[in-house]
Amino acid sequence: MTTIKPPCWIETIEPEDATSDLSEVYQRVGSVHNKIHNLYRAFSLQPKPLISADQHYRDILHNEANHTEPWFLELLATQAAIIADCHYAQQNHGANFKNLLGDNELGELMLDRVRRDDFNGSSVFTTKQAALLNYGAKLCRNPEKMCFKDIETLRDVGVTDTEILETVQSTACFAYWVRFINALGVRLGDETIGFYSDSNQSSDDE
């Protein structure tokens, strides 16, 4: 007999058991695949923040006014997940990154570099991209050490202030999400991986 694994370590409320208020929240944040992912279920005891939190990340990553390439913002999100050892976010946003990049082999090379903190002097990344990844890694690991010199270093290689802001937004946003996921033990369930429909794979991993 198969044991159904819970979405996370704390109590959750399934959609069929939801009150009218929670049901409305579930409907509003239902994924593009019309399924309530385990991450959303983890909010069910206090669901109100989920609406703004979900919209916040979408506004950061799916903003048509962004100057930064969407695939690179997803890579920054994946970097935050890798540094925090957050399997859930690595799987979802790693899939998004490779989908948007459109080159699976190159995507794997980039992810390997991110895992090894090896950005500089590589043909995989431009000088600007390497500088932004170094900056994002520092923000994830040592936020107390951020300084104006970091901004100057980015500007010196041609990064604009808008690109700096977008890098901070993506990295800081996912610093929140990976801590939420890790703290509550949110696991991948039988759900489609990634935001985009042609990333059509699912997982029931821990």
C-alpha atoms as a PDB file:
ATOM      1  CA  MET A   1       0.000   0.000   0.000  1.00  0.00           C
ATOM      2  CA  THR A   2       1.387   3.380  -1.058  1.00  0.00           C
ATOM      3  CA  THR A   3       1.776   5.963   1.692  1.00  0.00           C
ATOM      4  CA  ILE A   4       0.753   9.460   0.644  1.00  0.00           C
ATOM      5  CA  LYS A   5       3.476  11.880   1.675  1.00  0.00           C
ATOM      6  CA  PRO A   6       2.368  15.226   3.133  1.00  0.00           C
ATOM      7  CA  PRO A   7       3.161  18.434   1.223  1.00  0.00           C
ATOM      8  CA  CYS A   8       5.388  19.726   4.030  1.00  0.00           C
ATOM      9  CA  TRP A   9       6.234  19.299   7.706  1.00  0.00           C
ATOM     10  CA  ILE A  10       3.329  21.332   9.099  1.00  0.00           C
ATOM     11  CA  GLU A  11      -0.411  20.833   8.779  1.00  0.00           C
ATOM     12  CA  THR A  12      -1.978  21.819   5.470  1.00  0.00           C
ATOM     13  CA  ILE A  13      -5.518  22.102   4.140  1.00  0.00           C
ATOM     14  CA  GLU A  14      -6.402  20.389   0.891  1.00  0.00           C
ATOM     15  CA  PRO A  15      -8.434  22.291  -1.731  1.00  0.00           C
ATOM     16  CA  GLU A  16     -11.488  20.084  -1.187  1.00  0.00           C
ATOM     17  CA  ASP A  17     -11.448  20.953   2.545  1.00  0.00           C
ATOM     18  CA  ALA A  18     -10.816  24.666   2.118  1.00  0.00           C
ATOM     19  CA  THR A  19     -13.080  27.355   3.509  1.00  0.00           C
ATOM     20  CA  SER A  20     -14.468  29.890   1.070  1.00  0.00           C
ATOM     21  CA  ASP A  21     -11.613  32.340   1.769  1.00  0.00           C
ATOM     22  CA  LEU A  22      -8.883  29.729   1.326  1.00  0.00           C
ATOM     23  CA  SER A  23     -10.635  28.314  -1.719  1.00  0.00           C
ATOM     24  CA  GLU A  24     -10.576  31.767  -3.299  1.00  0.00           C
ATOM     25  CA  VAL A  25      -6.847  32.087  -2.584  1.00  0.00           C
ATOM     26  CA  TYR A  26      -6.177  28.675  -4.115  1.00  0.00           C
ATOM     27  CA  GLN A  27      -8.114  29.681  -7.213  1.00  0.00           C
ATOM     28  CA  ARG A  28      -6.206  32.951  -7.550  1.00  0.00           C
ATOM     29  CA  VAL A  29      -2.766  31.399  -7.290  1.00  0.00           C
ATOM     30  CA  GLY A  30      -3.518  28.150  -9.073  1.00  0.00           C
ATOM     31  CA  SER A  31      -0.604  27.258 -11.298  1.00  0.00           C
ATOM     32  CA  VAL A  32      -0.610  27.486 -15.074  1.00  0.00           C
ATOM     33  CA  HIS A  33      -1.147  23.733 -14.946  1.00  0.00           C
ATOM     34  CA  ASN A  34      -4.371  24.152 -12.946  1.00  0.00           C
ATOM     35  CA  LYS A  35      -3.025  22.344  -9.913  1.00  0.00           C
ATOM     36  CA  ILE A  36      -2.273  23.598  -6.412  1.00  0.00           C
ATOM     37  CA  HIS A  37       1.408  22.909  -5.847  1.00  0.00           C
ATOM     38  CA  ASN A  38       2.734  21.830  -2.457  1.00  0.00           C
ATOM     39  CA  LEU A  39       4.357  25.227  -1.976  1.00  0.00           C
ATOM     40  CA  TYR A  40       0.932  26.876  -2.110  1.00  0.00           C
ATOM     41  CA  ARG A  41      -0.540  24.281   0.261  1.00  0.00           C
ATOM     42  CA  ALA A  42       2.140  25.192   2.804  1.00  0.00           C
ATOM     43  CA  PHE A  43       0.483  28.617   3.198  1.00  0.00           C
ATOM     44  CA  SER A  44      -2.972  27.187   3.884  1.00  0.00           C
ATOM     45  CA  LEU A  45      -3.134  27.877   7.646  1.00  0.00           C
ATOM     46  CA  GLN A  46      -2.482  31.593   6.965  1.00  0.00           C
ATOM     47  CA  PRO A  47      -3.159  32.028   3.245  1.00  0.00           C
ATOM     48  CA  LYS A  48      -3.522  35.791   2.886  1.00  0.00           C
ATOM     49  CA  PRO A  49       0.235  36.500   2.390  1.00  0.00           C
ATOM     50  CA  LEU A  50       0.346  33.978  -0.451  1.00  0.00           C
ATOM     51  CA  ILE A  51      -1.471  36.251  -2.889  1.00  0.00           C
ATOM     52  CA  SER A  52       0.993  39.116  -2.539  1.00  0.00           C
ATOM     53  CA  ALA A  53       4.032  36.815  -2.271  1.00  0.00           C
ATOM     54  CA  ASP A  54       3.093  34.967  -5.441  1.00  0.00           C
ATOM     55  CA  GLN A  55       2.357  38.178  -7.330  1.00  0.00           C
ATOM     56  CA  HIS A  56       5.630  39.679  -6.097  1.00  0.00           C
ATOM     57  CA  TYR A  57       7.759  36.920  -7.595  1.00  0.00           C
ATOM     58  CA  ARG A  58       5.787  36.989 -10.853  1.00  0.00           C
ATOM     59  CA  ASP A  59       6.228  40.764 -11.109  1.00  0.00           C
ATOM     60  CA  ILE A  60       9.982  40.315 -10.688  1.00  0.00           C
ATOM     61  CA  LEU A  61      10.543  37.418 -13.081  1.00  0.00           C
ATOM     62  CA  HIS A  62       7.770  37.947 -15.629  1.00  0.00           C
ATOM     63  CA  ASN A  63       7.905  41.716 -16.024  1.00  0.00           C
ATOM     64  CA  GLU A  64       7.960  42.699 -19.705  1.00  0.00           C
ATOM     65  CA  ALA A  65       9.661  45.977 -18.767  1.00  0.00           C
ATOM     66  CA  ASN A  66      12.749  44.204 -17.379  1.00  0.00           C
ATOM     67  CA  HIS A  67      16.082  45.092 -18.953  1.00  0.00           C
ATOM     68  CA  THR A  68      17.598  41.758 -17.920  1.00  0.00           C
ATOM     69  CA  GLU A  69      17.014  38.657 -20.034  1.00  0.00           C
ATOM     70  CA  PRO A  70      14.319  36.447 -18.422  1.00  0.00           C
ATOM     71  CA  TRP A  71      16.577  33.390 -18.530  1.00  0.00           C
ATOM     72  CA  PHE A  72      19.248  35.212 -16.540  1.00  0.00           C
ATOM     73  CA  LEU A  73      16.776  36.255 -13.831  1.00  0.00           C
ATOM     74  CA  GLU A  74      15.731  32.598 -13.576  1.00  0.00           C
ATOM     75  CA  LEU A  75      19.400  31.632 -13.315  1.00  0.00           C
ATOM     76  CA  LEU A  76      19.822  34.076 -10.422  1.00  0.00           C
ATOM     77  CA  ALA A  77      16.783  32.507  -8.741  1.00  0.00           C
ATOM     78  CA  THR A  78      18.289  29.064  -9.297  1.00  0.00           C
ATOM     79  CA  GLN A  79      21.610  30.264  -7.877  1.00  0.00           C
ATOM     80  CA  ALA A  80      19.841  31.313  -4.661  1.00  0.00           C
ATOM     81  CA  ALA A  81      18.294  27.841  -4.503  1.00  0.00           C
ATOM     82  CA  ILE A  82      21.619  26.097  -5.119  1.00  0.00           C
ATOM     83  CA  ILE A  83      23.376  28.086  -2.398  1.00  0.00           C
ATOM     84  CA  ALA A  84      20.568  27.280   0.063  1.00  0.00           C
ATOM     85  CA  ASP A  85      20.485  23.623  -1.075  1.00  0.00           C
ATOM     86  CA  CYS A  86      16.770  24.010  -1.839  1.00  0.00           C
ATOM     87  CA  HIS A  87      15.869  21.087  -4.092  1.00  0.00           C
ATOM     88  CA  TYR A  88      12.310  22.282  -4.741  1.00  0.00           C
ATOM     89  CA  ALA A  89      13.350  25.673  -6.112  1.00  0.00           C
ATOM     90  CA  GLN A  90      16.367  24.239  -7.943  1.00  0.00           C
ATOM     91  CA  GLN A  91      14.116  21.874  -9.859  1.00  0.00           C
ATOM     92  CA  ASN A  92      11.437  24.429 -10.721  1.00  0.00           C
ATOM     93  CA  HIS A  93      13.583  27.425 -11.573  1.00  0.00           C
ATOM     94  CA  GLY A  94      16.378  25.394 -13.102  1.00  0.00           C
ATOM     95  CA  ALA A  95      13.754  24.055 -15.525  1.00  0.00           C
ATOM     96  CA  ASN A  96      12.467  27.567 -16.191  1.00  0.00           C
ATOM     97  CA  PHE A  97      16.001  28.823 -16.805  1.00  0.00           C
ATOM     98  CA  LYS A  98      16.838  26.138 -19.365  1.00  0.00           C
ATOM     99  CA  ASN A  99      13.469  26.516 -21.064  1.00  0.00           C
ATOM    100  CA  LEU A 100      13.923  30.265 -21.510  1.00  0.00           C
ATOM    101  CA  LEU A 101      17.574  29.908 -22.533  1.00  0.00           C
ATOM    102  CA  GLY A 102      16.556  27.452 -25.234  1.00  0.00           C
ATOM    103  CA  ASP A 103      19.799  25.461 -25.116  1.00  0.00           C
ATOM    104  CA  ASN A 104      19.825  22.549 -22.688  1.00  0.00           C
ATOM    105  CA  GLU A 105      23.524  21.742 -23.142  1.00  0.00           C
ATOM    106  CA  LEU A 106      24.618  25.332 -22.547  1.00  0.00           C
ATOM    107  CA  GLY A 107      22.196  25.546 -19.629  1.00  0.00           C
ATOM    108  CA  GLU A 108      23.827  22.551 -17.950  1.00  0.00           C
ATOM    109  CA  LEU A 109      27.264  24.108 -18.444  1.00  0.00           C
ATOM    110  CA  MET A 110      26.056  27.340 -16.848  1.00  0.00           C
ATOM    111  CA  LEU A 111      24.465  25.510 -13.920  1.00  0.00           C
ATOM    112  CA  ASP A 112      27.676  23.566 -13.373  1.00  0.00           C
ATOM    113  CA  ARG A 113      29.588  26.854 -13.176  1.00  0.00           C
ATOM    114  CA  VAL A 114      27.038  28.247 -10.718  1.00  0.00           C
ATOM    115  CA  ARG A 115      27.322  25.156  -8.511  1.00  0.00           C
ATOM    116  CA  ARG A 116      31.114  25.598  -8.442  1.00  0.00           C
ATOM    117  CA  ASP A 117      31.061  29.400  -8.031  1.00  0.00           C
ATOM    118  CA  ASP A 118      33.236  29.511 -11.138  1.00  0.00           C
ATOM    119  CA  PHE A 119      32.136  32.473 -13.237  1.00  0.00           C
ATOM    120  CA  ASN A 120      35.229  34.468 -14.168  1.00  0.00           C
ATOM    121  CA  GLY A 121      37.322  33.884 -17.270  1.00  0.00           C
ATOM    122  CA  SER A 122      34.750  31.512 -18.739  1.00  0.00           C
ATOM    123  CA  SER A 123      33.372  31.531 -22.267  1.00  0.00           C
ATOM    124  CA  VAL A 124      30.048  30.414 -20.803  1.00  0.00           C
ATOM    125  CA  PHE A 125      29.294  33.828 -19.294  1.00  0.00           C
ATOM    126  CA  THR A 126      29.956  37.367 -20.435  1.00  0.00           C
ATOM    127  CA  THR A 127      31.960  39.638 -18.154  1.00  0.00           C
ATOM    128  CA  LYS A 128      28.736  41.370 -17.086  1.00  0.00           C
ATOM    129  CA  GLN A 129      26.962  38.100 -16.355  1.00  0.00           C
ATOM    130  CA  ALA A 130      29.908  36.784 -14.344  1.00  0.00           C
ATOM    131  CA  ALA A 131      30.014  39.988 -12.300  1.00  0.00           C
ATOM    132  CA  LEU A 132      26.282  39.805 -11.572  1.00  0.00           C
ATOM    133  CA  LEU A 133      26.505  36.151 -10.546  1.00  0.00           C
ATOM    134  CA  ASN A 134      29.390  36.946  -8.198  1.00  0.00           C
ATOM    135  CA  TYR A 135      27.308  39.779  -6.770  1.00  0.00           C
ATOM    136  CA  GLY A 136      24.255  37.537  -6.363  1.00  0.00           C
ATOM    137  CA  ALA A 137      26.311  34.841  -4.653  1.00  0.00           C
ATOM    138  CA  LYS A 138      27.716  37.375  -2.190  1.00  0.00           C
ATOM    139  CA  LEU A 139      24.226  38.699  -1.452  1.00  0.00           C
ATOM    140  CA  CYS A 140      23.015  35.160  -0.721  1.00  0.00           C
ATOM    141  CA  ARG A 141      25.917  34.226   1.524  1.00  0.00           C
ATOM    142  CA  ASN A 142      27.099  37.458   3.124  1.00  0.00           C
ATOM    143  CA  PRO A 143      24.399  40.142   2.990  1.00  0.00           C
ATOM    144  CA  GLU A 144      26.047  41.980   5.877  1.00  0.00           C
ATOM    145  CA  LYS A 145      29.165  42.522   3.741  1.00  0.00           C
ATOM    146  CA  MET A 146      27.474  44.249   0.805  1.00  0.00           C
ATOM    147  CA  CYS A 147      29.056  47.637   0.113  1.00  0.00           C
ATOM    148  CA  PHE A 148      29.163  50.480  -2.397  1.00  0.00           C
ATOM    149  CA  LYS A 149      32.319  49.000  -3.908  1.00  0.00           C
ATOM    150  CA  ASP A 150      30.164  46.122  -5.155  1.00  0.00           C
ATOM    151  CA  ILE A 151      28.070  48.589  -7.158  1.00  0.00           C
ATOM    152  CA  GLU A 152      31.178  50.280  -8.547  1.00  0.00           C
ATOM    153  CA  THR A 153      32.592  46.918  -9.641  1.00  0.00           C
ATOM    154  CA  LEU A 154      29.411  46.172 -11.565  1.00  0.00           C
ATOM    155  CA  ARG A 155      29.295  49.598 -13.175  1.00  0.00           C
ATOM    156  CA  ASP A 156      32.936  49.255 -14.233  1.00  0.00           C
ATOM    157  CA  VAL A 157      32.054  46.275 -16.451  1.00  0.00           C
ATOM    158  CA  GLY A 158      29.037  47.972 -17.995  1.00  0.00           C
ATOM    159  CA  VAL A 159      26.188  46.834 -15.759  1.00  0.00           C
ATOM    160  CA  THR A 160      23.454  49.458 -15.548  1.00  0.00           C
ATOM    161  CA  ASP A 161      21.771  50.454 -12.313  1.00  0.00           C
ATOM    162  CA  THR A 162      18.495  48.999 -13.609  1.00  0.00           C
ATOM    163  CA  GLU A 163      20.216  45.653 -14.169  1.00  0.00           C
ATOM    164  CA  ILE A 164      21.685  45.851 -10.664  1.00  0.00           C
ATOM    165  CA  LEU A 165      18.227  46.484  -9.229  1.00  0.00           C
ATOM    166  CA  GLU A 166      16.725  43.571 -11.160  1.00  0.00           C
ATOM    167  CA  THR A 167      19.510  41.268  -9.964  1.00  0.00           C
ATOM    168  CA  VAL A 168      18.900  42.289  -6.358  1.00  0.00           C
ATOM    169  CA  GLN A 169      15.149  41.820  -6.748  1.00  0.00           C
ATOM    170  CA  SER A 170      15.474  38.300  -8.138  1.00  0.00           C
ATOM    171  CA  THR A 171      18.139  37.204  -5.656  1.00  0.00           C
ATOM    172  CA  ALA A 172      16.462  38.735  -2.598  1.00  0.00           C
ATOM    173  CA  CYS A 173      13.032  37.441  -3.588  1.00  0.00           C
ATOM    174  CA  PHE A 174      14.307  33.882  -3.814  1.00  0.00           C
ATOM    175  CA  ALA A 175      16.303  34.231  -0.623  1.00  0.00           C
ATOM    176  CA  TYR A 176      12.833  34.468   0.959  1.00  0.00           C
ATOM    177  CA  TRP A 177      11.347  31.558  -0.972  1.00  0.00           C
ATOM    178  CA  VAL A 178      14.191  29.103  -0.380  1.00  0.00           C
ATOM    179  CA  ARG A 179      14.126  29.811   3.350  1.00  0.00           C
ATOM    180  CA  PHE A 180      10.363  29.327   3.452  1.00  0.00           C
ATOM    181  CA  ILE A 181      10.646  26.039   1.554  1.00  0.00           C
ATOM    182  CA  ASN A 182      13.576  24.679   3.575  1.00  0.00           C
ATOM    183  CA  ALA A 183      12.131  25.712   6.938  1.00  0.00           C
ATOM    184  CA  LEU A 184       8.816  23.942   6.296  1.00  0.00           C
ATOM    185  CA  GLY A 185      10.204  20.967   4.400  1.00  0.00           C
ATOM    186  CA  VAL A 186       8.097  21.629   1.318  1.00  0.00           C
ATOM    187  CA  ARG A 187       8.592  18.716  -1.060  1.00  0.00           C
ATOM    188  CA  LEU A 188       8.023  18.217  -4.746  1.00  0.00           C
ATOM    189  CA  GLY A 189       4.835  16.296  -5.284  1.00  0.00           C
ATOM    190  CA  ASP A 190       3.092  14.941  -8.351  1.00  0.00           C
ATOM    191  CA  GLU A 191       3.255  18.293 -10.084  1.00  0.00           C
ATOM    192  CA  THR A 192       4.648  19.720 -13.278  1.00  0.00           C
ATOM    193  CA  ILE A 193       8.162  21.105 -12.913  1.00  0.00           C
ATOM    194  CA  GLY A 194       8.652  24.694 -13.987  1.00  0.00           C
ATOM    195  CA  PHE A 195       6.362  27.545 -14.994  1.00  0.00           C
ATOM    196  CA  TYR A 196       6.323  26.874 -18.715  1.00  0.00           C
ATOM    197  CA  SER A 197       4.096  24.274 -20.297  1.00  0.00           C
ATOM    198  CA  ASP A 198       6.788  22.688 -22.444  1.00  0.00           C
ATOM    199  CA  SER A 199       8.821  21.966 -19.310  1.00  0.00           C
ATOM    200  CA  ASN A 200       6.380  19.094 -19.114  1.00  0.00           C
ATOM    201  CA  GLN A 201       7.779  16.800 -16.483  1.00  0.00           C
ATOM    202  CA  SER A 202       6.596  15.935 -13.015  1.00  0.00           C
ATOM    203  CA  SER A 203       8.180  14.660  -9.852  1.00  0.00           C
ATOM    204  CA  ASP A 204       7.269  12.923  -6.639  1.00  0.00           C
ATOM    205  CA  ASP A 205      10.753  13.359  -5.170  1.00  0.00           C
ATOM    206  CA  GLU A 206      11.445  14.333  -1.595  1.00  0.00           C
END
